[in-house]
PDB file of N, CA and C in Angstrom:
ATOM      1  N   UNK A   1      -8.296 -10.518  28.517  1.00  0.00           N
ATOM      2  CA  UNK A   1      -8.269  -9.776  27.378  1.00  0.00           C
ATOM      3  C   UNK A   1      -6.875 -10.810  26.576  1.00  0.00           C
ATOM      4  N   UNK A   2      -6.132 -11.001  25.808  1.00  0.00           N
ATOM      5  CA  UNK A   2      -4.954 -11.821  25.196  1.00  0.00           C
ATOM      6  C   UNK A   2      -3.817 -10.673  24.659  1.00  0.00           C
ATOM      7  N   UNK A   3      -2.875 -11.215  24.821  1.00  0.00           N
ATOM      8  CA  UNK A   3      -1.613 -10.704  24.429  1.00  0.00           C
ATOM      9  C   UNK A   3      -1.957  -9.073  22.977  1.00  0.00           C
ATOM     10  N   UNK A   4      -2.386 -10.682  22.539  1.00  0.00           N
ATOM     11  CA  UNK A   4      -2.827 -10.353  20.380  1.00  0.00           C
ATOM     12  C   UNK A   4      -3.711  -9.453  21.001  1.00  0.00           C
ATOM     13  N   UNK A   5      -5.103  -9.514  21.189  1.00  0.00           N
ATOM     14  CA  UNK A   5      -5.721  -8.093  21.664  1.00  0.00           C
ATOM     15  C   UNK A   5      -5.106  -6.851  21.899  1.00  0.00           C
ATOM     16  N   UNK A   6      -4.598  -7.125  23.128  1.00  0.00           N
ATOM     17  CA  UNK A   6      -4.341  -5.942  23.586  1.00  0.00           C
ATOM     18  C   UNK A   6      -3.284  -5.504  22.521  1.00  0.00           C
ATOM     19  N   UNK A   7      -2.688  -5.681  21.615  1.00  0.00           N
ATOM     20  CA  UNK A   7      -1.270  -5.205  20.748  1.00  0.00           C
ATOM     21  C   UNK A   7      -2.206  -4.271  20.069  1.00  0.00           C
ATOM     22  N   UNK A   8      -3.178  -5.209  19.491  1.00  0.00           N
ATOM     23  CA  UNK A   8      -4.487  -4.321  18.425  1.00  0.00           C
ATOM     24  C   UNK A   8      -4.801  -2.751  18.828  1.00  0.00           C
ATOM     25  N   UNK A   9      -5.508  -3.181  20.604  1.00  0.00           N
ATOM     26  CA  UNK A   9      -5.755  -2.066  20.682  1.00  0.00           C
ATOM     27  C   UNK A   9      -4.775  -0.955  20.940  1.00  0.00           C
ATOM     28  N   UNK A  10      -3.707  -1.366  21.290  1.00  0.00           N
ATOM     29  CA  UNK A  10      -2.816  -0.179  21.254  1.00  0.00           C
ATOM     30  C   UNK A  10      -2.181   0.257  20.070  1.00  0.00           C
ATOM     31  N   UNK A  11      -2.514  -0.185  19.433  1.00  0.00           N
ATOM     32  CA  UNK A  11      -2.241   0.353  17.485  1.00  0.00           C
ATOM     33  C   UNK A  11      -3.662   1.153  17.180  1.00  0.00           C
ATOM     34  N   UNK A  12      -4.629   0.109  17.990  1.00  0.00           N
ATOM     35  CA  UNK A  12      -5.989   1.143  17.392  1.00  0.00           C
ATOM     36  C   UNK A  12      -6.443   2.645  17.843  1.00  0.00           C
ATOM     37  N   UNK A  13      -6.413   2.030  19.243  1.00  0.00           N
ATOM     38  CA  UNK A  13      -6.474   3.737  20.208  1.00  0.00           C
ATOM     39  C   UNK A  13      -4.994   4.691  20.561  1.00  0.00           C
ATOM     40  N   UNK A  14      -4.328   3.831  20.486  1.00  0.00           N
ATOM     41  CA  UNK A  14      -2.928   5.294  20.450  1.00  0.00           C
ATOM     42  C   UNK A  14      -2.245   5.442  19.794  1.00  0.00           C
ATOM     43  N   UNK A  15      -1.946   4.390  18.401  1.00  0.00           N
ATOM     44  CA  UNK A  15      -1.367   5.240  17.145  1.00  0.00           C
ATOM     45  C   UNK A  15      -2.439   5.865  16.321  1.00  0.00           C
ATOM     46  N   UNK A  16      -3.375   4.836  16.406  1.00  0.00           N
ATOM     47  CA  UNK A  16      -4.944   5.366  15.479  1.00  0.00           C
ATOM     48  C   UNK A  16      -4.980   4.626  13.729  1.00  0.00           C
ATOM     49  N   UNK A  17      -4.530   3.580  14.122  1.00  0.00           N
ATOM     50  CA  UNK A  17      -4.952   2.944  12.804  1.00  0.00           C
ATOM     51  C   UNK A  17      -6.325   1.970  13.046  1.00  0.00           C
ATOM     52  N   UNK A  18      -7.319   2.292  11.924  1.00  0.00           N
ATOM     53  CA  UNK A  18      -8.332   1.839  12.210  1.00  0.00           C
ATOM     54  C   UNK A  18      -8.805   0.104  11.582  1.00  0.00           C
ATOM     55  N   UNK A  19      -7.471   0.343  10.273  1.00  0.00           N
ATOM     56  CA  UNK A  19      -7.999  -0.766   9.152  1.00  0.00           C
ATOM     57  C   UNK A  19      -8.179  -2.024  10.327  1.00  0.00           C
ATOM     58  N   UNK A  20      -8.401  -2.937   9.890  1.00  0.00           N
ATOM     59  CA  UNK A  20      -8.564  -4.453  10.682  1.00  0.00           C
ATOM     60  C   UNK A  20      -7.110  -4.942  10.822  1.00  0.00           C
ATOM     61  N   UNK A  21      -7.165  -5.687  11.454  1.00  0.00           N
ATOM     62  CA  UNK A  21      -5.481  -6.376  11.400  1.00  0.00           C
ATOM     63  C   UNK A  21      -5.402  -7.420  11.175  1.00  0.00           C
ATOM     64  N   UNK A  22      -5.019  -8.172  10.565  1.00  0.00           N
ATOM     65  CA  UNK A  22      -4.712 -10.029  10.332  1.00  0.00           C
ATOM     66  C   UNK A  22      -4.049 -10.222  10.888  1.00  0.00           C
ATOM     67  N   UNK A  23      -2.513  -9.554  11.313  1.00  0.00           N
ATOM     68  CA  UNK A  23      -1.675 -10.559  12.499  1.00  0.00           C
ATOM     69  C   UNK A  23      -0.713  -9.495  12.727  1.00  0.00           C
ATOM     70  N   UNK A  24      -0.477  -9.574  14.234  1.00  0.00           N
ATOM     71  CA  UNK A  24       0.352  -8.543  14.684  1.00  0.00           C
ATOM     72  C   UNK A  24       0.973  -8.756  15.623  1.00  0.00           C
ATOM     73  N   UNK A  25       2.459  -8.877  16.440  1.00  0.00           N
ATOM     74  CA  UNK A  25       3.449  -9.350  16.815  1.00  0.00           C
ATOM     75  C   UNK A  25       4.222  -8.215  17.298  1.00  0.00           C
ATOM     76  N   UNK A  26       4.731  -8.286  18.784  1.00  0.00           N
ATOM     77  CA  UNK A  26       5.404  -7.640  19.473  1.00  0.00           C
ATOM     78  C   UNK A  26       7.092  -8.089  18.489  1.00  0.00           C
ATOM     79  N   UNK A  27       7.394  -6.870  18.302  1.00  0.00           N
ATOM     80  CA  UNK A  27       9.178  -7.020  18.196  1.00  0.00           C
ATOM     81  C   UNK A  27      10.750  -6.782  19.073  1.00  0.00           C
ATOM     82  N   UNK A  28      10.566  -5.358  19.566  1.00  0.00           N
ATOM     83  CA  UNK A  28      11.099  -5.135  20.082  1.00  0.00           C
ATOM     84  C   UNK A  28      10.897  -4.205  20.956  1.00  0.00           C
ATOM     85  N   UNK A  29      12.059  -4.322  22.210  1.00  0.00           N
ATOM     86  CA  UNK A  29      11.699  -3.094  23.549  1.00  0.00           C
ATOM     87  C   UNK A  29      12.301  -2.749  23.826  1.00  0.00           C
ATOM     88  N   UNK A  30      12.497  -1.220  23.694  1.00  0.00           N
ATOM     89  CA  UNK A  30      13.193  -0.656  24.530  1.00  0.00           C
ATOM     90  C   UNK A  30      12.867   0.653  25.567  1.00  0.00           C
ATOM     91  N   UNK A  31      12.911   1.182  26.430  1.00  0.00           N
ATOM     92  CA  UNK A  31      13.090   2.107  27.282  1.00  0.00           C
ATOM     93  C   UNK A  31      12.079   3.538  27.263  1.00  0.00           C
ATOM     94  N   UNK A  32      12.174   3.363  25.971  1.00  0.00           N
ATOM     95  CA  UNK A  32      10.938   4.238  24.927  1.00  0.00           C
ATOM     96  C   UNK A  32       9.232   3.798  24.564  1.00  0.00           C
ATOM     97  N   UNK A  33       9.608   2.380  24.593  1.00  0.00           N
ATOM     98  CA  UNK A  33       8.398   1.804  23.891  1.00  0.00           C
ATOM     99  C   UNK A  33       8.512   0.544  23.603  1.00  0.00           C
ATOM    100  N   UNK A  34       8.046   0.066  22.148  1.00  0.00           N
ATOM    101  CA  UNK A  34       7.564  -1.036  21.401  1.00  0.00           C
ATOM    102  C   UNK A  34       7.466  -1.317  20.278  1.00  0.00           C
ATOM    103  N   UNK A  35       8.383  -1.769  19.175  1.00  0.00           N
ATOM    104  CA  UNK A  35       7.786  -1.919  18.082  1.00  0.00           C
ATOM    105  C   UNK A  35       6.784  -3.004  17.582  1.00  0.00           C
ATOM    106  N   UNK A  36       5.811  -2.813  16.757  1.00  0.00           N
ATOM    107  CA  UNK A  36       5.121  -4.294  16.585  1.00  0.00           C
ATOM    108  C   UNK A  36       5.087  -4.510  15.432  1.00  0.00           C
ATOM    109  N   UNK A  37       5.064  -5.786  14.674  1.00  0.00           N
ATOM    110  CA  UNK A  37       4.824  -5.707  13.231  1.00  0.00           C
ATOM    111  C   UNK A  37       3.247  -6.058  12.862  1.00  0.00           C
ATOM    112  N   UNK A  38       2.713  -5.102  11.766  1.00  0.00           N
ATOM    113  CA  UNK A  38       1.280  -5.412  11.729  1.00  0.00           C
ATOM    114  C   UNK A  38       1.327  -5.776  10.114  1.00  0.00           C
ATOM    115  N   UNK A  39       0.409  -6.508  10.001  1.00  0.00           N
ATOM    116  CA  UNK A  39      -0.178  -7.406   8.509  1.00  0.00           C
ATOM    117  C   UNK A  39      -1.227  -7.224   8.144  1.00  0.00           C
ATOM    118  N   UNK A  40      -2.002  -6.355   7.497  1.00  0.00           N
ATOM    119  CA  UNK A  40      -3.020  -6.007   7.209  1.00  0.00           C
ATOM    120  C   UNK A  40      -3.111  -6.610   5.316  1.00  0.00           C
ATOM    121  N   UNK A  41      -4.015  -7.895   5.408  1.00  0.00           N
ATOM    122  CA  UNK A  41      -3.930  -8.624   3.866  1.00  0.00           C
ATOM    123  C   UNK A  41      -2.290  -8.758   3.587  1.00  0.00           C
ATOM    124  N   UNK A  42      -2.275  -7.889   2.277  1.00  0.00           N
ATOM    125  CA  UNK A  42      -1.099  -8.035   1.835  1.00  0.00           C
ATOM    126  C   UNK A  42       0.148  -7.539   2.326  1.00  0.00           C
ATOM    127  N   UNK A  43      -0.378  -6.384   2.662  1.00  0.00           N
ATOM    128  CA  UNK A  43       0.696  -5.253   3.373  1.00  0.00           C
ATOM    129  C   UNK A  43       0.880  -5.631   4.604  1.00  0.00           C
ATOM    130  N   UNK A  44       2.207  -4.760   4.809  1.00  0.00           N
ATOM    131  CA  UNK A  44       3.001  -5.266   6.409  1.00  0.00           C
ATOM    132  C   UNK A  44       3.889  -4.058   6.954  1.00  0.00           C
ATOM    133  N   UNK A  45       4.170  -3.745   7.791  1.00  0.00           N
ATOM    134  CA  UNK A  45       4.795  -2.731   8.359  1.00  0.00           C
ATOM    135  C   UNK A  45       4.903  -3.121  10.010  1.00  0.00           C
ATOM    136  N   UNK A  46       6.162  -2.289  10.568  1.00  0.00           N
ATOM    137  CA  UNK A  46       6.142  -1.637  11.625  1.00  0.00           C
ATOM    138  C   UNK A  46       5.850  -0.729  12.138  1.00  0.00           C
ATOM    139  N   UNK A  47       4.927  -0.571  13.400  1.00  0.00           N
ATOM    140  CA  UNK A  47       4.612   0.489  14.090  1.00  0.00           C
ATOM    141  C   UNK A  47       5.082   0.744  15.453  1.00  0.00           C
ATOM    142  N   UNK A  48       5.426   2.198  15.974  1.00  0.00           N
ATOM    143  CA  UNK A  48       6.111   2.481  16.900  1.00  0.00           C
ATOM    144  C   UNK A  48       4.449   2.451  18.481  1.00  0.00           C
ATOM    145  N   UNK A  49       5.100   1.572  19.304  1.00  0.00           N
ATOM    146  CA  UNK A  49       3.728   1.856  20.723  1.00  0.00           C
ATOM    147  C   UNK A  49       4.830   2.624  21.315  1.00  0.00           C
ATOM    148  N   UNK A  50       4.520   3.705  22.134  1.00  0.00           N
ATOM    149  CA  UNK A  50       5.265   4.812  22.816  1.00  0.00           C
ATOM    150  C   UNK A  50       5.231   4.746  24.280  1.00  0.00           C
ATOM    151  N   UNK A  51       5.468   4.483  25.296  1.00  0.00           N
ATOM    152  CA  UNK A  51       4.870   4.311  26.696  1.00  0.00           C
ATOM    153  C   UNK A  51       5.417   5.824  27.135  1.00  0.00           C
ATOM    154  N   UNK A  52       4.068   6.252  28.300  1.00  0.00           N
ATOM    155  CA  UNK A  52       4.094   7.576  28.478  1.00  0.00           C
ATOM    156  C   UNK A  52       5.499   8.408  29.024  1.00  0.00           C
ATOM    157  N   UNK A  53       6.256   7.442  29.823  1.00  0.00           N
ATOM    158  CA  UNK A  53       7.786   7.732  30.177  1.00  0.00           C
ATOM    159  C   UNK A  53       8.276   6.942  30.015  1.00  0.00           C
ATOM    160  N   UNK A  54       9.742   6.934  29.991  1.00  0.00           N
ATOM    161  CA  UNK A  54      10.793   6.488  29.761  1.00  0.00           C
ATOM    162  C   UNK A  54      10.582   5.060  30.752  1.00  0.00           C
ATOM    163  N   UNK A  55      11.068   4.156  30.422  1.00  0.00           N
ATOM    164  CA  UNK A  55      11.227   2.497  31.279  1.00  0.00           C
ATOM    165  C   UNK A  55      12.651   2.721  31.717  1.00  0.00           C
ATOM    166  N   UNK A  56      13.070   3.126  33.244  1.00  0.00           N
ATOM    167  CA  UNK A  56      14.304   3.260  33.602  1.00  0.00           C
ATOM    168  C   UNK A  56      15.058   1.288  34.262  1.00  0.00           C
ATOM    169  N   UNK A  57      14.142   1.029  34.820  1.00  0.00           N
ATOM    170  CA  UNK A  57      14.556  -0.189  35.777  1.00  0.00           C
ATOM    171  C   UNK A  57      13.318  -1.237  34.481  1.00  0.00           C
ATOM    172  N   UNK A  58      14.069  -2.520  34.557  1.00  0.00           N
ATOM    173  CA  UNK A  58      13.165  -3.758  34.317  1.00  0.00           C
ATOM    174  C   UNK A  58      11.889  -3.987  34.651  1.00  0.00           C
ATOM    175  N   UNK A  59      11.819  -3.867  36.051  1.00  0.00           N
ATOM    176  CA  UNK A  59      10.424  -4.028  36.233  1.00  0.00           C
ATOM    177  C   UNK A  59       9.189  -3.436  36.320  1.00  0.00           C
ATOM    178  N   UNK A  60       9.821  -1.705  35.882  1.00  0.00           N
ATOM    179  CA  UNK A  60       8.902  -0.651  35.330  1.00  0.00           C
ATOM    180  C   UNK A  60       8.449  -1.359  34.313  1.00  0.00           C
ATOM    181  N   UNK A  61       8.629  -2.081  33.462  1.00  0.00           N
ATOM    182  CA  UNK A  61       7.986  -2.418  32.161  1.00  0.00           C
ATOM    183  C   UNK A  61       6.777  -2.916  32.203  1.00  0.00           C
ATOM    184  N   UNK A  62       6.370  -3.696  32.974  1.00  0.00           N
ATOM    185  CA  UNK A  62       5.243  -4.493  33.573  1.00  0.00           C
ATOM    186  C   UNK A  62       4.041  -2.672  33.371  1.00  0.00           C
ATOM    187  N   UNK A  63       4.318  -2.334  34.696  1.00  0.00           N
ATOM    188  CA  UNK A  63       3.932  -0.997  34.681  1.00  0.00           C
ATOM    189  C   UNK A  63       3.791  -0.095  33.745  1.00  0.00           C
ATOM    190  N   UNK A  64       4.387   0.320  33.158  1.00  0.00           N
ATOM    191  CA  UNK A  64       4.504   1.042  31.521  1.00  0.00           C
ATOM    192  C   UNK A  64       3.312   0.359  30.859  1.00  0.00           C
ATOM    193  N   UNK A  65       3.071  -1.038  30.438  1.00  0.00           N
ATOM    194  CA  UNK A  65       2.503  -1.339  29.890  1.00  0.00           C
ATOM    195  C   UNK A  65       0.754  -1.156  30.165  1.00  0.00           C
ATOM    196  N   UNK A  66       0.661  -1.523  31.769  1.00  0.00           N
ATOM    197  CA  UNK A  66      -0.268  -1.635  32.699  1.00  0.00           C
ATOM    198  C   UNK A  66      -1.189   0.139  32.132  1.00  0.00           C
ATOM    199  N   UNK A  67      -0.197   0.921  32.289  1.00  0.00           N
ATOM    200  CA  UNK A  67      -0.235   2.397  31.993  1.00  0.00           C
ATOM    201  C   UNK A  67      -0.575   2.446  30.237  1.00  0.00           C
ATOM    202  N   UNK A  68      -0.167   1.850  29.408  1.00  0.00           N
ATOM    203  CA  UNK A  68      -0.902   1.708  28.222  1.00  0.00           C
ATOM    204  C   UNK A  68      -2.496   1.111  28.307  1.00  0.00           C
ATOM    205  N   UNK A  69      -2.215   0.617  29.030  1.00  0.00           N
ATOM    206  CA  UNK A  69      -4.122  -0.369  29.097  1.00  0.00           C
ATOM    207  C   UNK A  69      -4.542   0.653  29.466  1.00  0.00           C
ATOM    208  N   UNK A  70      -4.716   1.257  30.200  1.00  0.00           N
ATOM    209  CA  UNK A  70      -5.561   1.965  31.492  1.00  0.00           C
ATOM    210  C   UNK A  70      -5.713   3.331  30.131  1.00  0.00           C
ATOM    211  N   UNK A  71      -4.417   3.924  29.259  1.00  0.00           N
ATOM    212  CA  UNK A  71      -4.928   4.916  28.479  1.00  0.00           C
ATOM    213  C   UNK A  71      -5.951   4.816  27.417  1.00  0.00           C
ATOM    214  N   UNK A  72      -5.745   3.078  26.748  1.00  0.00           N
ATOM    215  CA  UNK A  72      -6.607   2.642  25.716  1.00  0.00           C
ATOM    216  C   UNK A  72      -8.304   2.959  26.435  1.00  0.00           C
ATOM    217  N   UNK A  73      -8.140   2.465  28.097  1.00  0.00           N
ATOM    218  CA  UNK A  73      -9.928   2.148  28.397  1.00  0.00           C
ATOM    219  C   UNK A  73     -10.299   3.432  28.412  1.00  0.00           C
ATOM    220  N   UNK A  74      -9.714   4.644  28.641  1.00  0.00           N
ATOM    221  CA  UNK A  74     -10.100   5.892  28.965  1.00  0.00           C
ATOM    222  C   UNK A  74     -10.456   6.351  27.773  1.00  0.00           C
ATOM    223  N   UNK A  75      -9.338   5.951  26.395  1.00  0.00           N
ATOM    224  CA  UNK A  75      -9.943   6.600  25.268  1.00  0.00           C
ATOM    225  C   UNK A  75     -11.127   5.692  24.658  1.00  0.00           C
ATOM    226  N   UNK A  76     -11.670   4.767  24.896  1.00  0.00           N
ATOM    227  CA  UNK A  76     -12.352   3.854  24.642  1.00  0.00           C
ATOM    228  C   UNK A  76     -13.934   3.940  25.348  1.00  0.00           C
ATOM    229  N   UNK A  77     -13.319   4.425  26.624  1.00  0.00           N
ATOM    230  CA  UNK A  77     -14.651   5.148  27.227  1.00  0.00           C
ATOM    231  C   UNK A  77     -14.928   6.579  26.743  1.00  0.00           C
ATOM    232  N   UNK A  78     -14.147   7.320  26.563  1.00  0.00           N
ATOM    233  CA  UNK A  78     -14.678   8.790  25.890  1.00  0.00           C
ATOM    234  C   UNK A  78     -15.350   8.672  24.582  1.00  0.00           C
ATOM    235  N   UNK A  79     -15.069   7.538  23.782  1.00  0.00           N
ATOM    236  CA  UNK A  79     -15.651   7.377  21.920  1.00  0.00           C
ATOM    237  C   UNK A  79     -16.955   7.080  22.854  1.00  0.00           C
ATOM    238  N   UNK A  80     -17.336   5.933  23.863  1.00  0.00           N
ATOM    239  CA  UNK A  80     -18.590   5.575  23.748  1.00  0.00           C
ATOM    240  C   UNK A  80     -19.508   6.634  24.221  1.00  0.00           C
ATOM    241  N   UNK A  81     -18.956   7.716  24.880  1.00  0.00           N
ATOM    242  CA  UNK A  81     -20.112   9.208  25.247  1.00  0.00           C
ATOM    243  C   UNK A  81     -21.065   8.994  24.467  1.00  0.00           C
TER     244      UNK A  81
END
């Protein structure tokens, strides 16, 4: 899965936006999560993807993003039951 697909899944399964996304881009990252700019047709805005817990060290960012991916996989598996 590429970066764009992962961002779309975070928005769908963590934030809860079900509408098709035309364009998505990570904008800002901090210790609590990151912002993504989402465009759907002529509508666009910024959404927040929160980390499970604050990230206090730079190397922990990757672990936090992996945790989000695992959370998405769990949610997807539950919905498929």
